[in-house]
Protein backbone atom coordinates (compact mmCIF):
# COMPACT_ATOMS: atom_id res chain seq x y z
CA MET A 1 121.75 125.18 101.56
CA SER A 2 119.14 124.62 98.88
CA LEU A 3 119.66 122.44 95.85
CA GLU A 4 119.24 125.45 93.56
CA ASN A 5 122.44 126.94 94.96
CA PHE A 6 124.26 123.62 94.98
CA TRP A 7 123.79 122.60 91.34
CA PRO A 8 124.91 125.07 88.70
CA GLN A 9 122.39 126.20 86.13
CA SER A 10 124.38 124.51 83.38
CA PHE A 11 123.59 121.03 84.78
CA ASP A 12 119.91 121.59 84.16
CA LYS A 13 120.52 122.00 80.44
CA MET A 14 122.91 119.05 80.16
CA GLY A 15 120.63 116.36 81.54
CA ARG A 16 117.71 116.62 79.12
CA THR A 17 117.21 116.71 75.39
CA GLN A 18 114.77 119.05 73.72
CA ARG A 19 112.25 116.22 73.37
CA ASN A 20 112.37 115.45 77.11
CA ARG A 21 112.05 119.12 78.02
CA ASP A 22 108.99 119.38 75.80
CA LYS A 23 107.43 116.34 77.50
CA LYS A 24 108.14 117.77 80.93
CA ASP A 25 106.63 121.12 79.97
CA THR A 26 103.58 119.34 78.55
CA ALA A 27 103.22 117.28 81.72
CA GLU A 28 103.49 120.40 83.84
CA SER A 29 100.96 122.30 81.76
CA GLU A 30 98.45 119.42 81.80
CA PRO A 31 98.35 118.09 85.38
CA GLY A 32 96.96 114.61 85.91
CA GLU A 33 97.60 113.55 82.33
CA CYS A 34 100.94 111.87 82.97
CA THR A 35 101.23 110.09 86.32
CA GLN A 36 103.93 107.95 87.87
CA ASP A 37 101.75 104.93 88.50
CA GLY A 38 100.10 102.24 86.43
CA ASP A 39 100.08 101.88 82.67
CA GLN A 40 100.79 105.54 81.96
CA ALA A 41 104.19 105.35 83.65
CA LYS A 42 105.05 102.16 81.75
CA SER A 43 104.07 103.70 78.43
CA VAL A 44 106.14 106.82 79.13
CA ILE A 45 109.16 104.69 80.02
CA SER A 46 108.75 102.43 77.00
CA ASP A 47 108.28 105.47 74.72
CA GLU A 48 111.47 107.07 76.02
CA LEU A 49 113.65 103.92 76.00
CA ASP A 50 115.28 102.31 73.04
CA PRO A 51 113.64 98.89 72.45
CA ALA A 52 116.99 97.13 72.79
CA LEU A 53 117.62 98.88 76.10
CA ALA A 54 114.12 98.04 77.29
CA LYS A 55 114.71 94.39 76.39
CA ALA A 56 118.09 94.40 78.17
CA LEU A 57 116.50 95.93 81.26
CA HIS A 58 113.80 93.30 81.14
CA PHE A 59 116.37 90.48 81.04
CA MET A 60 118.46 92.06 83.80
CA THR A 61 115.48 92.50 86.07
CA ALA A 62 114.38 88.94 85.30
CA ASP A 63 117.85 87.72 86.32
CA ILE A 64 117.75 89.83 89.48
CA ILE A 65 114.31 88.47 90.34
CA LYS A 66 115.58 84.91 89.76
CA VAL A 67 118.57 85.50 92.05
CA ILE A 68 116.35 87.02 94.73
CA ASN A 69 113.92 84.11 94.49
CA ASP A 70 116.80 81.62 94.68
CA LYS A 71 118.19 83.34 97.76
CA PHE A 72 114.86 83.68 99.53
CA SER A 73 113.34 80.31 98.63
CA PRO A 74 115.14 78.45 101.48
CA LEU A 75 113.97 81.14 103.89
CA VAL A 76 110.41 80.91 102.60
CA GLU A 77 110.54 77.11 102.89
CA THR A 78 111.84 77.34 106.45
CA ILE A 79 109.12 79.81 107.38
CA HIS A 80 106.51 77.52 105.80
CA ASN A 81 107.87 74.51 107.76
CA HIS A 82 107.77 76.49 111.00
CA SER A 83 104.24 77.60 110.20
CA VAL A 84 103.15 73.98 109.67
CA GLU A 85 104.84 72.93 112.92
CA LEU A 86 103.21 75.81 114.77
CA GLN A 87 99.78 74.86 113.44
CA SER A 88 100.38 71.26 114.53
CA ALA A 89 101.46 72.40 117.99
CA ASN A 90 98.35 74.62 118.22
CA ARG A 91 96.11 71.67 117.34
CA ARG A 92 97.80 69.50 119.98
CA LEU A 93 97.54 72.28 122.55
CA ASP A 94 93.84 72.76 121.78
CA GLU A 95 93.28 69.02 122.15
CA ALA A 96 95.16 68.97 125.48
CA GLU A 97 93.16 71.94 126.76
CA THR A 98 89.93 70.19 125.79
CA ARG A 99 90.97 67.01 127.60
CA ILE A 100 92.08 68.96 130.71
CA MET A 101 88.78 70.84 130.76
CA ALA A 102 86.89 67.53 130.53
CA VAL A 103 88.86 66.13 133.49
CA GLU A 104 88.28 69.31 135.51
CA ASN A 105 84.55 69.16 134.80
CA SER A 106 84.47 65.50 135.80
CA ALA A 107 86.34 66.26 139.04
CA THR A 108 83.98 69.13 139.80
CA ALA A 109 81.00 66.82 139.32
CA GLN A 110 82.55 64.26 141.68
CA GLU A 111 83.35 66.69 144.53
CA PRO A 112 79.91 66.44 146.25
CA ARG A 113 80.04 62.63 146.05
CA ILE A 114 83.58 62.64 147.52
CA ALA A 115 82.47 64.90 150.40
CA GLU A 116 79.53 62.57 151.13
CA LEU A 117 81.79 59.49 151.15
CA GLU A 118 84.27 61.26 153.47
CA LYS A 119 81.41 61.91 155.92
CA GLN A 120 80.39 58.24 155.78
CA VAL A 121 84.00 57.09 156.38
CA SER A 122 84.26 59.46 159.32
CA ALA A 123 80.94 58.20 160.79
CA LEU A 124 81.95 54.55 160.30
CA ALA A 125 85.38 55.17 161.86
CA GLU A 126 83.68 56.79 164.86
CA SER A 127 81.24 53.89 165.15
CA LEU A 128 84.12 51.39 165.00
CA ASP A 129 86.00 53.29 167.69
CA MET A 130 82.88 53.22 169.91
CA SER A 131 82.48 49.47 169.36
CA GLU A 132 86.12 48.83 170.28
CA TYR A 133 85.81 50.98 173.39
CA SER A 134 82.66 49.15 174.47
CA GLY A 135 84.32 45.80 173.84
CA ARG A 136 87.27 46.71 176.06
CA ARG A 137 85.02 47.88 178.87
CA LEU A 138 83.05 44.69 178.96
CA GLY A 139 85.85 42.34 178.49
């Protein structure tokens, strides 16, 4: 069902005054002259509204904005605190990774030396075993 069939023709005439119909016709005949964004939309709204109504709307929206800011400020503060904690944890994690990498590099550099010392210990242990065996045979 289309909206044309849903709303009676009489509703179209009730909603607008002659001045508003003229503005709409002018806007339709001159495309691009009246847009819904930026300063042009504000000027159209302020031209159509009574100054007292515009002032009342301004105060109501200011109150709504204040309420929204009051409600969301604890959330924003909590998010900020979590962000600071996360940045601190990231710095500590980066520092730990740097230290671990330094230890791994140091261990890698020591591996050939450790292998050489293990060979020497093995050779000395074998030499000691030979000396003990010779000492038992003679004695």
